[in-house]
């Protein structure tokens, strides 16, 4: 059994609507994916992502500034 067959079987088992015909299978996967995306953990995901991205970039900038500060300080000592 190839990778894609195993992946399809795994997805198929996790979905609520089961059908082996290709079109119906894709439709059932889409229905399950939409249901999963409506879950509580994905609500306001854009706002959560934006907040985390801002925090990450701010931390990266602060780290960069501290590295520059320590490099200059070491050169004066």
C-alpha atoms as a PDB file:
ATOM      1  CA  UNK A   1       0.000   0.000   0.000  1.00  0.00           C
ATOM      2  CA  UNK A   2       1.530   3.299  -1.108  1.00  0.00           C
ATOM      3  CA  UNK A   3       1.826   6.491   0.886  1.00  0.00           C
ATOM      4  CA  UNK A   4      -1.150   8.180  -0.772  1.00  0.00           C
ATOM      5  CA  UNK A   5      -3.338   5.122  -0.324  1.00  0.00           C
ATOM      6  CA  UNK A   6      -2.493   4.963   3.380  1.00  0.00           C
ATOM      7  CA  UNK A   7      -3.097   8.709   3.746  1.00  0.00           C
ATOM      8  CA  UNK A   8      -6.446   8.411   1.973  1.00  0.00           C
ATOM      9  CA  UNK A   9      -7.383   5.468   4.202  1.00  0.00           C
ATOM     10  CA  UNK A  10      -6.401   7.416   7.324  1.00  0.00           C
ATOM     11  CA  UNK A  11      -8.410  10.438   6.247  1.00  0.00           C
ATOM     12  CA  UNK A  12     -11.286   8.199   5.289  1.00  0.00           C
ATOM     13  CA  UNK A  13     -11.333   6.556   8.719  1.00  0.00           C
ATOM     14  CA  UNK A  14     -11.292   9.905  10.513  1.00  0.00           C
ATOM     15  CA  UNK A  15     -14.169  11.378   8.512  1.00  0.00           C
ATOM     16  CA  UNK A  16     -17.785  11.078   9.468  1.00  0.00           C
ATOM     17  CA  UNK A  17     -19.149  10.425   5.971  1.00  0.00           C
ATOM     18  CA  UNK A  18     -17.631   7.385   4.286  1.00  0.00           C
ATOM     19  CA  UNK A  19     -17.796   6.609   0.581  1.00  0.00           C
ATOM     20  CA  UNK A  20     -15.181   5.001  -1.600  1.00  0.00           C
ATOM     21  CA  UNK A  21     -16.116   6.495  -4.954  1.00  0.00           C
ATOM     22  CA  UNK A  22     -13.600   9.208  -5.793  1.00  0.00           C
ATOM     23  CA  UNK A  23     -16.019  12.134  -6.182  1.00  0.00           C
ATOM     24  CA  UNK A  24     -18.058  11.218  -3.148  1.00  0.00           C
ATOM     25  CA  UNK A  25     -14.891  10.590  -1.181  1.00  0.00           C
ATOM     26  CA  UNK A  26     -13.569  14.065  -1.992  1.00  0.00           C
ATOM     27  CA  UNK A  27     -16.943  15.580  -1.123  1.00  0.00           C
ATOM     28  CA  UNK A  28     -17.024  13.775   2.200  1.00  0.00           C
ATOM     29  CA  UNK A  29     -13.467  14.911   2.944  1.00  0.00           C
ATOM     30  CA  UNK A  30     -14.451  18.502   2.193  1.00  0.00           C
ATOM     31  CA  UNK A  31     -17.467  18.219   4.494  1.00  0.00           C
ATOM     32  CA  UNK A  32     -15.290  16.828   7.269  1.00  0.00           C
ATOM     33  CA  UNK A  33     -12.630  19.497   6.734  1.00  0.00           C
ATOM     34  CA  UNK A  34     -15.225  22.264   6.956  1.00  0.00           C
ATOM     35  CA  UNK A  35     -16.625  20.715  10.117  1.00  0.00           C
ATOM     36  CA  UNK A  36     -13.137  20.499  11.624  1.00  0.00           C
ATOM     37  CA  UNK A  37     -12.383  24.138  10.723  1.00  0.00           C
ATOM     38  CA  UNK A  38     -15.550  25.216  12.532  1.00  0.00           C
ATOM     39  CA  UNK A  39     -14.157  23.783  15.779  1.00  0.00           C
ATOM     40  CA  UNK A  40     -13.489  26.052  18.741  1.00  0.00           C
ATOM     41  CA  UNK A  41      -9.710  25.773  18.385  1.00  0.00           C
ATOM     42  CA  UNK A  42      -9.840  27.441  14.955  1.00  0.00           C
ATOM     43  CA  UNK A  43     -12.160  30.315  15.786  1.00  0.00           C
ATOM     44  CA  UNK A  44     -10.425  33.694  15.522  1.00  0.00           C
ATOM     45  CA  UNK A  45      -7.346  31.923  14.191  1.00  0.00           C
ATOM     46  CA  UNK A  46      -6.353  34.953  12.103  1.00  0.00           C
ATOM     47  CA  UNK A  47      -6.246  37.213  15.156  1.00  0.00           C
ATOM     48  CA  UNK A  48      -4.320  34.595  17.152  1.00  0.00           C
ATOM     49  CA  UNK A  49      -1.840  34.142  14.312  1.00  0.00           C
ATOM     50  CA  UNK A  50      -1.345  37.893  13.978  1.00  0.00           C
ATOM     51  CA  UNK A  51      -0.738  38.272  17.725  1.00  0.00           C
ATOM     52  CA  UNK A  52       1.799  35.429  17.747  1.00  0.00           C
ATOM     53  CA  UNK A  53       3.541  36.803  14.648  1.00  0.00           C
ATOM     54  CA  UNK A  54       3.871  40.249  16.249  1.00  0.00           C
ATOM     55  CA  UNK A  55       5.259  38.664  19.410  1.00  0.00           C
ATOM     56  CA  UNK A  56       7.745  36.591  17.387  1.00  0.00           C
ATOM     57  CA  UNK A  57       8.977  39.529  15.302  1.00  0.00           C
ATOM     58  CA  UNK A  58       9.274  41.743  18.398  1.00  0.00           C
ATOM     59  CA  UNK A  59      11.331  39.072  20.164  1.00  0.00           C
ATOM     60  CA  UNK A  60      13.555  38.643  17.104  1.00  0.00           C
ATOM     61  CA  UNK A  61      14.150  42.405  16.923  1.00  0.00           C
ATOM     62  CA  UNK A  62      14.943  42.607  20.636  1.00  0.00           C
ATOM     63  CA  UNK A  63      17.368  39.689  20.365  1.00  0.00           C
ATOM     64  CA  UNK A  64      19.080  41.316  17.402  1.00  0.00           C
ATOM     65  CA  UNK A  65      19.398  44.616  19.255  1.00  0.00           C
ATOM     66  CA  UNK A  66      20.852  42.892  22.319  1.00  0.00           C
ATOM     67  CA  UNK A  67      23.379  41.011  20.198  1.00  0.00           C
ATOM     68  CA  UNK A  68      24.482  44.297  18.577  1.00  0.00           C
ATOM     69  CA  UNK A  69      24.714  45.965  21.997  1.00  0.00           C
ATOM     70  CA  UNK A  70      26.866  43.159  23.429  1.00  0.00           C
ATOM     71  CA  UNK A  71      29.106  43.129  20.365  1.00  0.00           C
ATOM     72  CA  UNK A  72      29.756  46.872  20.681  1.00  0.00           C
ATOM     73  CA  UNK A  73      30.217  46.614  24.435  1.00  0.00           C
ATOM     74  CA  UNK A  74      32.778  43.810  24.039  1.00  0.00           C
ATOM     75  CA  UNK A  75      34.719  45.877  21.522  1.00  0.00           C
ATOM     76  CA  UNK A  76      35.039  48.778  24.025  1.00  0.00           C
ATOM     77  CA  UNK A  77      36.214  46.562  26.873  1.00  0.00           C
END
